[in-house]
Amino acid sequence: MHKIQVITDSDSSLSSDLAARFGIVLVPISIQFGEETFLTNLNMDDKLLFEKIDALGKLPTTAAPSPSAFAVAFEKAFAAGAEGILCVCVSSKVSATYESAILAAREFPDKPIRVVDSLYMTMGQGFLAIAAAEALAQGATLDEAAALAEGMIPHLCTFASFATLKYLAMSGRVGKFVAGMAGALDIRPLLTMKEGTLQMLERVRTRKTAMNRLVDLIARAVDHKTIVRVAIFHVNNLADAQVLEARLHERLALPAEVWIVEFTPGLSVHAGSGMVGAVFFAR
């Protein structure tokens, strides 16, 4: 059986423990506060991210892994005995990560490397990497595992609720006045993944309404389908993540294992503290 290493970037929201469980290598997104650089899952998480943002009063910059970062990961995998690599990247519509991985793969012209554009982010991307790793462990070829991952993309769905527009205002994506009014009225934007990007779906008022609407949207999206995998993601909001999980259990037939994960800093910096959502793979 060929030994194929699955590699993904940290925008997959895979924790270090989950990645280790499935034998997946994570290439971190970097977070830059002035002259300080931090790496997701290594020395930066969502808690520290927003502690620093609130203390400094400004957002950091984020950077996709460079081609050299992927090249190092590929080289390490081959040195450890891998005979091929399957690299699953965050959507090319939101990041240069996919292009970096493609450029890195060209440095190994004699090695079998497949780079998959997940057209997704967070655990939707993570589900693709996990499914590929499981298939490879059961004897799938590199091409078969890549095809499996790509075939899953149309069957993913995700919905999320922002808790605040404060951080979008800090980034300049919305005006401070609009963000202030939204905060005063407790307006909660609801978003979904569409065509490779996270897009605004609607706006509701209050946390309770947002949670109810999330559950309704998810239930409608997976109606008459078999739910294969579920993950709840959040930004410093484990309490609401657990509430959302409980509410979904009441409405839907969920698999035995539901993962609750951090959104992770490369994504969280754009969403803001308090965000909560879920991603499903359902056929």
Protein backbone atom coordinates (compact mmCIF):
# COMPACT_ATOMS: atom_id res chain seq x y z
CA MET A 1 0.00 0.00 0.00
CA HIS A 2 1.29 3.44 -0.91
CA LYS A 3 1.97 5.85 1.91
CA ILE A 4 0.32 9.15 1.07
CA GLN A 5 0.57 12.09 3.48
CA VAL A 6 -2.44 14.41 3.83
CA ILE A 7 -1.53 18.03 4.46
CA THR A 8 -3.86 20.98 5.04
CA ASP A 9 -3.63 24.54 6.31
CA SER A 10 -4.90 25.78 9.66
CA ASP A 11 -7.90 27.57 8.11
CA SER A 12 -9.40 24.06 8.20
CA SER A 13 -10.06 24.67 11.92
CA LEU A 14 -8.56 21.27 12.67
CA SER A 15 -7.13 21.25 16.16
CA SER A 16 -3.68 19.77 16.67
CA ASP A 17 -5.34 16.79 18.38
CA LEU A 18 -7.75 16.13 15.52
CA ALA A 19 -4.99 16.44 12.96
CA ALA A 20 -2.83 14.00 14.90
CA ARG A 21 -5.72 11.57 15.26
CA PHE A 22 -6.06 11.29 11.47
CA GLY A 23 -2.36 11.65 10.69
CA ILE A 24 -2.81 15.01 8.98
CA VAL A 25 -0.03 17.61 8.83
CA LEU A 26 -1.08 21.23 9.46
CA VAL A 27 0.62 24.20 7.79
CA PRO A 28 -0.15 27.28 9.92
CA ILE A 29 -1.61 30.63 8.89
CA SER A 30 0.52 33.45 10.30
CA ILE A 31 -0.78 36.39 12.35
CA GLN A 32 1.27 39.61 12.40
CA PHE A 33 1.01 42.20 15.18
CA GLY A 34 3.50 44.87 14.15
CA GLU A 35 6.91 43.20 14.22
CA GLU A 36 5.61 40.12 16.05
CA THR A 37 4.62 37.06 14.04
CA PHE A 38 2.53 34.26 15.50
CA LEU A 39 1.53 30.90 14.02
CA THR A 40 -1.92 29.36 14.38
CA ASN A 41 -2.01 26.28 16.64
CA LEU A 42 1.59 26.87 17.69
CA ASN A 43 1.68 30.13 19.63
CA MET A 44 -1.62 31.76 18.70
CA ASP A 45 -5.22 30.79 19.39
CA ASP A 46 -8.53 32.67 19.39
CA LYS A 47 -8.31 33.65 23.07
CA LEU A 48 -4.86 35.21 22.76
CA LEU A 49 -5.79 36.78 19.42
CA PHE A 50 -8.61 38.88 20.84
CA GLU A 51 -6.79 39.66 24.05
CA LYS A 52 -4.11 41.30 21.91
CA ILE A 53 -6.61 42.97 19.56
CA ASP A 54 -8.56 44.50 22.44
CA ALA A 55 -5.37 45.59 24.22
CA LEU A 56 -3.87 47.19 21.11
CA GLY A 57 -7.12 48.52 19.65
CA LYS A 58 -6.30 47.32 16.16
CA LEU A 59 -6.41 44.19 14.07
CA PRO A 60 -3.34 42.20 13.02
CA THR A 61 -2.62 41.23 9.46
CA THR A 62 -2.86 37.62 8.39
CA ALA A 63 -0.84 35.82 5.75
CA ALA A 64 -1.34 32.63 3.82
CA PRO A 65 1.48 30.10 4.20
CA SER A 66 4.25 30.91 1.73
CA PRO A 67 5.28 28.47 -0.99
CA SER A 68 8.40 27.79 1.08
CA ALA A 69 6.26 26.83 4.09
CA PHE A 70 4.47 24.23 2.01
CA ALA A 71 7.75 23.12 0.43
CA VAL A 72 9.19 22.49 3.89
CA ALA A 73 6.10 20.46 4.86
CA PHE A 74 6.31 18.46 1.63
CA GLU A 75 10.05 17.82 2.10
CA LYS A 76 9.52 16.63 5.67
CA ALA A 77 6.77 14.27 4.55
CA PHE A 78 8.95 12.73 1.85
CA ALA A 79 11.90 12.48 4.24
CA ALA A 80 9.63 10.60 6.67
CA GLY A 81 8.81 8.04 4.00
CA ALA A 82 5.77 9.43 2.20
CA GLU A 83 5.46 8.30 -1.40
CA GLY A 84 2.95 11.00 -2.33
CA ILE A 85 1.12 14.00 -0.90
CA LEU A 86 -2.50 15.13 -0.94
CA CYS A 87 -2.76 18.79 0.08
CA VAL A 88 -6.22 20.22 0.83
CA CYS A 89 -6.32 24.03 0.89
CA VAL A 90 -8.71 26.71 2.05
CA SER A 91 -10.84 28.17 -0.75
CA SER A 92 -8.80 29.91 -3.43
CA LYS A 93 -11.54 32.57 -3.48
CA VAL A 94 -10.50 33.87 -0.05
CA SER A 95 -6.78 33.15 0.24
CA ALA A 96 -3.54 32.75 -1.69
CA THR A 97 -2.92 29.48 0.19
CA TYR A 98 -3.93 27.25 -2.73
CA GLU A 99 -1.58 29.09 -5.09
CA SER A 100 1.25 28.77 -2.56
CA ALA A 101 0.74 25.01 -2.39
CA ILE A 102 0.66 24.75 -6.19
CA LEU A 103 3.94 26.66 -6.45
CA ALA A 104 5.51 24.47 -3.77
CA ALA A 105 4.42 21.30 -5.57
CA ARG A 106 6.31 22.45 -8.68
CA GLU A 107 9.52 22.21 -6.69
CA PHE A 108 9.03 18.42 -6.58
CA PRO A 109 8.49 17.55 -10.27
CA ASP A 110 9.30 13.89 -9.78
CA LYS A 111 6.99 13.39 -6.79
CA PRO A 112 3.23 12.68 -6.92
CA ILE A 113 1.51 15.67 -5.27
CA ARG A 114 -2.17 16.57 -5.64
CA VAL A 115 -3.38 19.96 -4.42
CA VAL A 116 -7.14 20.24 -3.84
CA ASP A 117 -8.95 23.57 -3.72
CA SER A 118 -11.62 22.86 -1.10
CA LEU A 119 -13.65 25.94 -2.11
CA TYR A 120 -14.44 25.96 1.58
CA MET A 121 -13.00 26.93 4.92
CA THR A 122 -13.21 25.86 8.57
CA MET A 123 -14.32 22.27 9.17
CA GLY A 124 -15.82 21.88 5.70
CA GLN A 125 -12.23 21.97 4.49
CA GLY A 126 -11.32 19.82 7.49
CA PHE A 127 -13.90 17.19 6.56
CA LEU A 128 -12.29 16.83 3.13
CA ALA A 129 -8.86 16.28 4.65
CA ILE A 130 -10.19 13.77 7.18
CA ALA A 131 -12.16 11.80 4.59
CA ALA A 132 -9.11 11.65 2.32
CA ALA A 133 -6.92 10.45 5.19
CA GLU A 134 -9.45 7.76 6.10
CA ALA A 135 -9.71 6.59 2.48
CA LEU A 136 -5.94 6.43 2.13
CA ALA A 137 -5.68 4.41 5.34
CA GLN A 138 -8.11 1.92 3.78
CA GLY A 139 -5.99 1.56 0.63
CA ALA A 140 -7.24 4.28 -1.71
CA THR A 141 -4.79 5.69 -4.24
CA LEU A 142 -3.77 9.34 -4.29
CA ASP A 143 -6.09 10.07 -7.22
CA GLU A 144 -8.97 8.20 -5.61
CA ALA A 145 -8.60 10.11 -2.35
CA ALA A 146 -8.39 13.44 -4.19
CA ALA A 147 -11.52 12.60 -6.20
CA LEU A 148 -13.34 11.61 -3.01
CA ALA A 149 -12.48 14.91 -1.37
CA GLU A 150 -13.51 16.98 -4.40
CA GLY A 151 -16.75 15.02 -4.68
CA MET A 152 -17.73 16.00 -1.15
CA ILE A 153 -17.71 19.75 -1.79
CA PRO A 154 -21.28 20.04 -3.19
CA HIS A 155 -22.58 18.18 -0.15
CA LEU A 156 -21.22 20.63 2.44
CA CYS A 157 -23.29 23.34 4.05
CA THR A 158 -22.51 25.87 6.72
CA PHE A 159 -24.26 28.69 8.57
CA ALA A 160 -22.86 31.09 11.14
CA SER A 161 -23.90 34.05 13.26
CA PHE A 162 -21.69 37.02 14.09
CA ALA A 163 -22.08 38.39 17.61
CA THR A 164 -20.75 41.86 16.79
CA LEU A 165 -19.70 44.12 13.93
CA LYS A 166 -17.03 45.75 16.08
CA TYR A 167 -14.16 43.91 14.45
CA LEU A 168 -15.49 44.40 10.92
CA ALA A 169 -15.54 48.12 11.72
CA MET A 170 -11.93 47.92 12.88
CA SER A 171 -11.01 46.36 9.54
CA GLY A 172 -12.89 49.05 7.62
CA ARG A 173 -15.36 46.57 6.13
CA VAL A 174 -18.28 48.40 7.77
CA GLY A 175 -18.51 51.92 9.16
CA LYS A 176 -18.09 52.55 12.87
CA PHE A 177 -21.51 54.23 13.04
CA VAL A 178 -23.18 51.22 11.44
CA ALA A 179 -21.32 48.87 13.78
CA GLY A 180 -22.33 50.99 16.78
CA MET A 181 -25.97 50.97 15.78
CA ALA A 182 -25.84 47.23 15.17
CA GLY A 183 -24.37 46.77 18.64
CA ALA A 184 -27.02 48.96 20.26
CA LEU A 185 -29.81 47.04 18.50
CA ASP A 186 -28.10 43.64 18.99
CA ILE A 187 -28.17 42.92 15.27
CA ARG A 188 -26.69 39.53 14.39
CA PRO A 189 -25.61 38.95 10.78
CA LEU A 190 -26.14 35.40 9.52
CA LEU A 191 -23.75 34.03 6.91
CA THR A 192 -23.35 31.00 4.70
CA MET A 193 -20.72 29.56 2.37
CA LYS A 194 -21.51 30.22 -1.30
CA GLU A 195 -19.24 29.92 -4.33
CA GLY A 196 -16.15 29.57 -2.19
CA THR A 197 -16.72 32.56 0.10
CA LEU A 198 -18.52 33.33 3.35
CA GLN A 199 -21.43 35.57 2.34
CA MET A 200 -24.08 37.58 4.17
CA LEU A 201 -27.42 35.80 4.20
CA GLU A 202 -29.62 37.95 6.43
CA ARG A 203 -29.67 39.99 9.63
CA VAL A 204 -31.70 39.28 12.73
CA ARG A 205 -31.96 40.86 16.15
CA THR A 206 -30.90 39.24 19.45
CA ARG A 207 -28.87 36.18 20.27
CA LYS A 208 -31.98 34.04 20.81
CA THR A 209 -33.40 34.85 17.38
CA ALA A 210 -30.03 34.22 15.74
CA MET A 211 -29.74 30.82 17.39
CA ASN A 212 -33.29 29.88 16.37
CA ARG A 213 -32.66 30.98 12.83
CA LEU A 214 -29.37 29.05 12.61
CA VAL A 215 -31.14 25.86 13.64
CA ASP A 216 -33.95 26.45 11.12
CA LEU A 217 -31.55 27.17 8.26
CA ILE A 218 -29.47 24.07 9.00
CA ALA A 219 -32.55 21.85 9.36
CA ARG A 220 -33.86 23.05 6.00
CA ALA A 221 -30.48 22.56 4.29
CA VAL A 222 -30.13 18.93 5.41
CA ASP A 223 -33.80 17.96 5.13
CA HIS A 224 -34.24 14.44 3.69
CA LYS A 225 -30.48 13.89 3.73
CA THR A 226 -28.28 11.58 5.76
CA ILE A 227 -25.96 13.61 7.98
CA VAL A 228 -22.50 12.07 7.81
CA ARG A 229 -20.41 14.63 9.71
CA VAL A 230 -21.07 17.69 11.84
CA ALA A 231 -18.84 20.27 13.45
CA ILE A 232 -19.71 23.30 15.53
CA PHE A 233 -17.21 26.16 15.31
CA HIS A 234 -16.94 29.25 17.46
CA VAL A 235 -14.76 32.21 18.35
CA ASN A 236 -14.33 32.38 22.13
CA ASN A 237 -17.93 31.28 22.58
CA LEU A 238 -17.95 27.68 23.77
CA ALA A 239 -21.19 28.23 25.71
CA ASP A 240 -23.20 29.11 22.60
CA ALA A 241 -21.47 26.34 20.63
CA GLN A 242 -22.72 23.84 23.21
CA VAL A 243 -26.22 25.36 23.10
CA LEU A 244 -26.25 25.11 19.31
CA GLU A 245 -25.16 21.48 19.49
CA ALA A 246 -27.94 20.67 21.96
CA ARG A 247 -30.54 22.43 19.83
CA LEU A 248 -29.42 20.57 16.71
CA HIS A 249 -29.63 17.25 18.56
CA GLU A 250 -33.25 18.08 19.35
CA ARG A 251 -34.12 18.68 15.69
CA LEU A 252 -31.87 16.36 13.70
CA ALA A 253 -30.47 12.84 13.64
CA LEU A 254 -26.81 13.67 14.18
CA PRO A 255 -23.90 11.22 14.02
CA ALA A 256 -22.50 9.90 17.28
CA GLU A 257 -19.54 12.27 17.18
CA VAL A 258 -20.02 16.02 16.84
CA TRP A 259 -16.84 18.07 16.95
CA ILE A 260 -16.71 21.49 18.61
CA VAL A 261 -13.72 23.46 17.37
CA GLU A 262 -12.21 26.93 17.42
CA PHE A 263 -12.68 28.87 14.19
CA THR A 264 -8.91 29.59 14.46
CA PRO A 265 -7.15 32.98 14.19
CA GLY A 266 -6.67 33.18 10.42
CA LEU A 267 -10.46 33.20 10.06
CA SER A 268 -11.50 34.55 13.47
CA VAL A 269 -9.81 37.92 12.95
CA HIS A 270 -12.42 38.63 10.27
CA ALA A 271 -15.42 37.17 12.12
CA GLY A 272 -14.93 38.67 15.54
CA SER A 273 -15.20 37.25 19.02
CA GLY A 274 -18.51 35.55 19.82
CA MET A 275 -19.23 34.10 16.40
CA VAL A 276 -20.79 30.63 16.33
CA GLY A 277 -21.80 28.32 13.51
CA ALA A 278 -21.97 24.79 12.17
CA VAL A 279 -20.85 22.88 9.12
CA PHE A 280 -22.46 19.69 7.82
CA PHE A 281 -21.54 17.02 5.32
CA ALA A 282 -24.83 15.45 4.31
CA ARG A 283 -25.93 13.33 1.35
